[in-house]
Amino acid sequence: MYQQTSFLAYQELVTTGQISRRQGQILKAIIEHPFPLTNLEISEITKLPINSVTGRVKELRDKGLVQKAYVKKEPRASIAWKVAYDIAL
């Protein structure tokens, strides 16, 4: 249920122009996966360059749409991102 609600909120953000197309690609990847994703994993899934992903994730974080889930230790320390609870409202 949470994921469906998040997806509907995502669609609203995209159609109203509140987030860019690239931000939408990244947010959609995070919503569609059952576990939090690192920037590198998002880059691999979306086929976007890592520097494009990191900037868009920061923008989404600043907007309160994604939040830190935990830090993955392997193969190196990386933050895994999840959808912020606020997006489901």
Protein backbone atom coordinates (compact mmCIF):
# COMPACT_ATOMS: atom_id res chain seq x y z
CA MET A 1 0.00 0.00 0.00
CA TYR A 2 2.78 2.42 0.91
CA GLN A 3 4.47 1.86 -2.44
CA GLN A 4 1.23 2.48 -4.41
CA THR A 5 0.57 5.67 -2.47
CA SER A 6 4.13 6.81 -3.10
CA PHE A 7 3.77 6.11 -6.81
CA LEU A 8 0.57 8.18 -6.99
CA ALA A 9 2.32 11.03 -5.18
CA TYR A 10 5.23 10.69 -7.62
CA GLN A 11 2.86 10.98 -10.60
CA GLU A 12 1.34 14.12 -9.11
CA LEU A 13 4.79 15.70 -8.61
CA VAL A 14 5.78 14.97 -12.21
CA THR A 15 2.54 16.08 -13.85
CA THR A 16 2.44 19.36 -11.91
CA GLY A 17 6.09 20.13 -12.71
CA GLN A 18 7.19 20.14 -9.06
CA ILE A 19 10.15 17.92 -9.94
CA SER A 20 12.24 17.70 -13.11
CA ARG A 21 12.24 14.77 -15.52
CA ARG A 22 15.61 13.55 -14.18
CA GLN A 23 14.45 13.89 -10.58
CA GLY A 24 11.37 11.91 -11.59
CA GLN A 25 13.49 9.12 -13.09
CA ILE A 26 15.45 8.79 -9.88
CA LEU A 27 12.44 9.01 -7.59
CA LYS A 28 10.63 6.38 -9.66
CA ALA A 29 13.62 4.00 -9.39
CA ILE A 30 13.64 4.38 -5.61
CA ILE A 31 9.87 3.87 -5.36
CA GLU A 32 9.86 0.79 -7.60
CA HIS A 33 12.55 -1.10 -5.68
CA PRO A 34 11.68 -3.00 -2.52
CA PHE A 35 14.89 -1.95 -0.78
CA PRO A 36 16.78 1.35 -0.38
CA LEU A 37 19.27 2.18 -3.13
CA THR A 38 22.68 3.85 -3.15
CA ASN A 39 23.58 6.47 -5.74
CA LEU A 40 25.64 3.87 -7.61
CA GLU A 41 22.71 1.42 -7.69
CA ILE A 42 20.40 4.19 -8.91
CA SER A 43 22.94 5.02 -11.63
CA GLU A 44 23.07 1.39 -12.75
CA ILE A 45 19.26 1.01 -12.76
CA THR A 46 18.51 4.29 -14.56
CA LYS A 47 21.59 4.19 -16.84
CA LEU A 48 22.32 7.78 -15.82
CA PRO A 49 25.87 8.97 -15.06
CA ILE A 50 26.71 8.93 -11.36
CA ASN A 51 27.33 12.69 -11.28
CA SER A 52 23.81 13.26 -12.59
CA VAL A 53 22.36 10.93 -9.96
CA THR A 54 24.16 12.45 -6.98
CA GLY A 55 23.00 15.96 -7.82
CA ARG A 56 19.39 14.91 -8.36
CA VAL A 57 19.33 12.85 -5.15
CA LYS A 58 20.53 15.91 -3.23
CA GLU A 59 17.76 17.99 -4.79
CA LEU A 60 15.17 15.34 -3.91
CA ARG A 61 16.56 15.18 -0.37
CA ASP A 62 16.39 18.99 -0.08
CA LYS A 63 12.73 18.83 -1.18
CA GLY A 64 12.04 16.22 1.51
CA LEU A 65 11.15 13.50 -0.99
CA VAL A 66 13.94 11.04 -0.19
CA GLN A 67 15.75 10.33 3.04
CA LYS A 68 18.68 8.32 4.29
CA ALA A 69 17.71 4.73 5.08
CA TYR A 70 21.09 3.46 6.29
CA VAL A 71 24.76 3.32 5.34
CA LYS A 72 25.95 0.28 3.41
CA LYS A 73 29.45 -0.72 4.49
CA GLU A 74 30.39 -2.97 1.54
CA PRO A 75 32.16 -2.62 -0.78
CA ARG A 76 32.60 0.91 0.62
CA ALA A 77 30.50 3.14 2.81
CA SER A 78 27.55 4.48 0.81
CA ILE A 79 24.23 5.98 1.86
CA ALA A 80 21.17 4.00 0.79
CA TRP A 81 18.14 6.18 0.00
CA LYS A 82 14.44 5.53 0.48
CA VAL A 83 11.28 7.49 -0.19
CA ALA A 84 10.50 9.95 2.58
CA TYR A 85 7.29 9.24 4.45
CA ASP A 86 6.00 12.71 3.58
CA ILE A 87 5.59 11.75 -0.08
CA ALA A 88 2.89 9.23 0.87
CA LEU A 89 0.64 11.86 2.39
